[in-house]
Each structure stands twice: as C-alpha cells, then as structure tokens.
Amino acid sequence: MAGALLLVPGLIIARAQTASQDMQDAGHKTKQAAKDTGRATKKTTKKAAHATKKNTKKAWHATKRGTKKAAGKTKNTAKGAARGAKQGAEQPTNPQA
C-alpha cells in the first residue's frame, strides 16, 4: 500500500505536465491557424483585386468601342438626314398633283 501511495503523486504530476503541454500545443495550433487564415485572406484579396482591374479595363475598352461605333452611326444618320432635307428642298413635291 505504501508503494501505491508513492506512485499516485507521480501520476498526478505526469498528468499536470500533459495538461500543460496540451495547452501549449493548443496555443501553437491557434497561432498557426491565424497565420494560415492571414495568408489565405491575402491571397484571395490579391486575386480579387487583379480580377477587378482586369474586368474594369475590359469594360472600359468595350465602352470606348461602343461609343465610337455609336458616334459613327449618328454621324452617318445625320449626314443622311441632311442630304434628304437638301433633296426635298430642291425638289418640292406638288401636293395637288
């Protein structure tokens, strides 16, 4: 019985060290998880910024092309309307005929 009583304090100390080590391990794991999260956030932010920049340029170019195309069509329509008005002024129609 005396031998058993001598072993009990050793088991308690061993368990206390294990609990302490578990707490340290948990702290290290938490720190590592925070670092991993930071890295993932940085990577995702860079990707999103790059995609935004790329799509903004794409939209700008499309707008530029569309504006040029619309301006050309408007110019042609205006010229056609001016020609038609000129022809109409030169050759008036006789409403009575």
C-alpha atoms as a PDB file:
ATOM      1  CA  MET A   1       0.000   0.000   0.000  1.00  0.00           C
ATOM      2  CA  ALA A   2       2.837   2.331   0.747  1.00  0.00           C
ATOM      3  CA  GLY A   3       4.184   1.702  -2.755  1.00  0.00           C
ATOM      4  CA  ALA A   4       0.855   2.644  -4.294  1.00  0.00           C
ATOM      5  CA  LEU A   5       0.776   5.914  -2.375  1.00  0.00           C
ATOM      6  CA  LEU A   6       4.218   6.776  -3.679  1.00  0.00           C
ATOM      7  CA  LEU A   7       3.099   6.321  -7.309  1.00  0.00           C
ATOM      8  CA  VAL A   8      -0.027   8.468  -7.058  1.00  0.00           C
ATOM      9  CA  PRO A   9       1.794  11.835  -6.766  1.00  0.00           C
ATOM     10  CA  GLY A  10       3.925  10.876  -9.786  1.00  0.00           C
ATOM     11  CA  LEU A  11       0.814  10.183 -11.850  1.00  0.00           C
ATOM     12  CA  ILE A  12      -0.722  13.495 -10.806  1.00  0.00           C
ATOM     13  CA  ILE A  13       2.419  15.374 -11.806  1.00  0.00           C
ATOM     14  CA  ALA A  14       2.625  13.499 -15.106  1.00  0.00           C
ATOM     15  CA  ARG A  15      -0.974  14.383 -15.874  1.00  0.00           C
ATOM     16  CA  ALA A  16      -0.380  18.021 -14.946  1.00  0.00           C
ATOM     17  CA  GLN A  17       2.551  18.149 -17.362  1.00  0.00           C
ATOM     18  CA  THR A  18       0.424  16.605 -20.066  1.00  0.00           C
ATOM     19  CA  ALA A  19      -2.322  19.206 -19.484  1.00  0.00           C
ATOM     20  CA  SER A  20       0.281  21.958 -19.600  1.00  0.00           C
ATOM     21  CA  GLN A  21       1.707  20.534 -22.801  1.00  0.00           C
ATOM     22  CA  ASP A  22      -1.798  20.254 -24.257  1.00  0.00           C
ATOM     23  CA  MET A  23      -2.367  23.947 -23.522  1.00  0.00           C
ATOM     24  CA  GLN A  24       0.921  24.861 -25.196  1.00  0.00           C
ATOM     25  CA  ASP A  25       0.061  22.731 -28.207  1.00  0.00           C
ATOM     26  CA  ALA A  26      -3.348  24.384 -28.430  1.00  0.00           C
ATOM     27  CA  GLY A  27      -1.686  27.796 -28.331  1.00  0.00           C
ATOM     28  CA  HIS A  28       0.706  26.842 -31.126  1.00  0.00           C
ATOM     29  CA  LYS A  29      -2.124  25.437 -33.222  1.00  0.00           C
ATOM     30  CA  THR A  30      -4.176  28.595 -32.709  1.00  0.00           C
ATOM     31  CA  LYS A  31      -1.224  30.738 -33.750  1.00  0.00           C
ATOM     32  CA  GLN A  32      -0.628  28.608 -36.845  1.00  0.00           C
ATOM     33  CA  ALA A  33      -4.321  28.737 -37.769  1.00  0.00           C
ATOM     34  CA  ALA A  34      -4.278  32.542 -37.508  1.00  0.00           C
ATOM     35  CA  LYS A  35      -1.240  32.691 -39.800  1.00  0.00           C
ATOM     36  CA  ASP A  36      -2.896  30.368 -42.306  1.00  0.00           C
ATOM     37  CA  THR A  37      -6.041  32.489 -42.279  1.00  0.00           C
ATOM     38  CA  GLY A  38      -3.983  35.637 -42.854  1.00  0.00           C
ATOM     39  CA  ARG A  39      -2.185  34.064 -45.810  1.00  0.00           C
ATOM     40  CA  ALA A  40      -5.446  32.871 -47.343  1.00  0.00           C
ATOM     41  CA  THR A  41      -7.014  36.309 -46.911  1.00  0.00           C
ATOM     42  CA  LYS A  42      -4.013  37.978 -48.546  1.00  0.00           C
ATOM     43  CA  LYS A  43      -4.097  35.569 -51.495  1.00  0.00           C
ATOM     44  CA  THR A  44      -7.842  35.968 -52.008  1.00  0.00           C
ATOM     45  CA  THR A  45      -7.609  39.767 -51.794  1.00  0.00           C
ATOM     46  CA  LYS A  46      -4.842  39.849 -54.417  1.00  0.00           C
ATOM     47  CA  LYS A  47      -6.873  37.591 -56.712  1.00  0.00           C
ATOM     48  CA  ALA A  48      -9.985  39.735 -56.322  1.00  0.00           C
ATOM     49  CA  ALA A  49      -8.049  42.963 -56.943  1.00  0.00           C
ATOM     50  CA  HIS A  50      -6.471  41.516 -60.079  1.00  0.00           C
ATOM     51  CA  ALA A  51      -9.835  40.325 -61.404  1.00  0.00           C
ATOM     52  CA  THR A  52     -11.413  43.718 -60.692  1.00  0.00           C
ATOM     53  CA  LYS A  53      -8.610  45.532 -62.502  1.00  0.00           C
ATOM     54  CA  LYS A  54      -8.829  43.179 -65.485  1.00  0.00           C
ATOM     55  CA  ASN A  55     -12.618  43.443 -65.791  1.00  0.00           C
ATOM     56  CA  THR A  56     -12.532  47.219 -65.369  1.00  0.00           C
ATOM     57  CA  LYS A  57     -10.110  47.511 -68.291  1.00  0.00           C
ATOM     58  CA  LYS A  58     -12.263  45.156 -70.340  1.00  0.00           C
ATOM     59  CA  ALA A  59     -15.396  47.221 -69.636  1.00  0.00           C
ATOM     60  CA  TRP A  60     -13.557  50.458 -70.438  1.00  0.00           C
ATOM     61  CA  HIS A  61     -12.419  49.131 -73.815  1.00  0.00           C
ATOM     62  CA  ALA A  62     -15.907  47.859 -74.633  1.00  0.00           C
ATOM     63  CA  THR A  63     -17.402  51.226 -73.716  1.00  0.00           C
ATOM     64  CA  LYS A  64     -14.819  53.015 -75.849  1.00  0.00           C
ATOM     65  CA  ARG A  65     -15.571  50.767 -78.855  1.00  0.00           C
ATOM     66  CA  GLY A  66     -19.320  51.143 -78.382  1.00  0.00           C
ATOM     67  CA  THR A  67     -19.049  54.912 -78.114  1.00  0.00           C
ATOM     68  CA  LYS A  68     -17.015  55.129 -81.329  1.00  0.00           C
ATOM     69  CA  LYS A  69     -19.486  52.864 -83.112  1.00  0.00           C
ATOM     70  CA  ALA A  70     -22.487  54.903 -81.915  1.00  0.00           C
ATOM     71  CA  ALA A  71     -20.791  58.160 -82.880  1.00  0.00           C
ATOM     72  CA  GLY A  72     -20.124  56.823 -86.381  1.00  0.00           C
ATOM     73  CA  LYS A  73     -23.717  55.696 -86.804  1.00  0.00           C
ATOM     74  CA  THR A  74     -25.029  59.020 -85.516  1.00  0.00           C
ATOM     75  CA  LYS A  75     -22.747  60.882 -87.927  1.00  0.00           C
ATOM     76  CA  ASN A  76     -23.957  58.762 -90.854  1.00  0.00           C
ATOM     77  CA  THR A  77     -27.595  59.226 -89.856  1.00  0.00           C
ATOM     78  CA  ALA A  78     -27.147  62.978 -89.550  1.00  0.00           C
ATOM     79  CA  LYS A  79     -25.491  63.143 -92.969  1.00  0.00           C
ATOM     80  CA  GLY A  80     -28.310  61.097 -94.490  1.00  0.00           C
ATOM     81  CA  ALA A  81     -30.933  63.323 -92.905  1.00  0.00           C
ATOM     82  CA  ALA A  82     -29.163  66.447 -94.183  1.00  0.00           C
ATOM     83  CA  ARG A  83     -28.967  65.002 -97.722  1.00  0.00           C
ATOM     84  CA  GLY A  84     -32.634  64.075 -97.605  1.00  0.00           C
ATOM     85  CA  ALA A  85     -33.596  67.544 -96.433  1.00  0.00           C
ATOM     86  CA  LYS A  86     -31.498  69.124 -99.163  1.00  0.00           C
ATOM     87  CA  GLN A  87     -33.060  66.935-101.842  1.00  0.00           C
ATOM     88  CA  GLY A  88     -36.500  67.691-100.507  1.00  0.00           C
ATOM     89  CA  ALA A  89     -35.808  71.406-100.652  1.00  0.00           C
ATOM     90  CA  GLU A  90     -34.518  71.172-104.219  1.00  0.00           C
ATOM     91  CA  GLN A  91     -37.425  69.037-105.484  1.00  0.00           C
ATOM     92  CA  PRO A  92     -40.579  70.030-103.669  1.00  0.00           C
ATOM     93  CA  THR A  93     -43.478  67.707-104.178  1.00  0.00           C
ATOM     94  CA  ASN A  94     -46.746  69.044-105.505  1.00  0.00           C
ATOM     95  CA  PRO A  95     -49.416  68.074-103.009  1.00  0.00           C
ATOM     96  CA  GLN A  96     -52.153  68.824-105.618  1.00  0.00           C
ATOM     97  CA  ALA A  97     -50.827  66.542-108.279  1.00  0.00           C
END
